[in-house]
């Protein structure tokens, strides 16, 4: 099981990256850089590539709407080049509020676009002359669109790899099925190992049945906050505001994918209460309604024995990469947590 860590996009980026060298030496395998409506992730990942030697670097995630498919392919190839083959292209649909509100692009057909984007990226990385006539993207533009001067081109540079890994963030049934069919990795959010099979098992099985064996096994990335000790249980409360934000505020009524997931986990009443409170501006009250079981079982917080049990549950459910958020008072404490979980994962 690989150990990964997500970097915060809300501030202190340079300071965090300065610590990555130590995390790398401690055994951290991969770092994920988010891009919401923050600074772009691409410049930051290039900075990380220059500051590290072995650490894999992944976008976690770039949305599929704000860059053309070819721009995503160029970006991935460029980052794979400056990192000497250490890059993973993480993509996802994001949501209507961000895509239409911040980028001013219609949120339309996320599944179809995801499939075509991955096809186009892989064609670019193979240095083929780009010809794609799909439902959502056409290269070159067909007759009657544009000037008519477009022609098939291939990327000038020679990519380090023609098979840069593609990771898709997905939680909806159809999107998870698509991911299991065509992607190298899958990153869900609010991953509960005991409920994963009930919620996503059928979708994963359907996608894997159509999967090209050349892609290899699907990398399953489970996210979890991490704290180990006899007195760390209170850290679970740190997860309440973020869970409430996603379940309650990341989307309108009927268009909140995280709220839907909470309902599919079996917390229909709580999901509705959290959303109603959050949208009414009662964020603290919404956070108080987040089920304790959700906070506990999607985290690695507790005694060493408890964390070992949770780690075993993650592995048994199919997780192959553990994306942790180490909770400690200082850099030394976070470093110790990474070293510890690396050893524990090796024994799991």
Foldseek 3Di string as FASTA:
>chain_A
DAEEAEDDQPDPLVVVLVLVQLLVVLRHAEYEYEPFPGPDCLVSLLVSLVSYQHHAYEHPAAELQQDDLVVLLVSQLVSCVSNVNRYAHEYEHQFQCRCCVVVVTGSDDRQQSVVVSVVQSLCQLVQHQDADDDPPDGAPDDPPPDPPPGDGGHDPDHGSDSCRFYEYEDQDLQNLLCCLAEGQEYEYPLDFLVCCCVRHVVSNVNNVVNHDCVSPHYAYEAEAEADADAPFVVVLLVCLLVLLCQLAPSDDVPGRVSLVVCVSSPPVVLSVVSNVCVVVVNRVVSSVSDDSCSSVRSYQTHHPVSNLVSLVSCVVSPHDYYHYHYDDDDSVNSSVRSSVVVVSNVVD
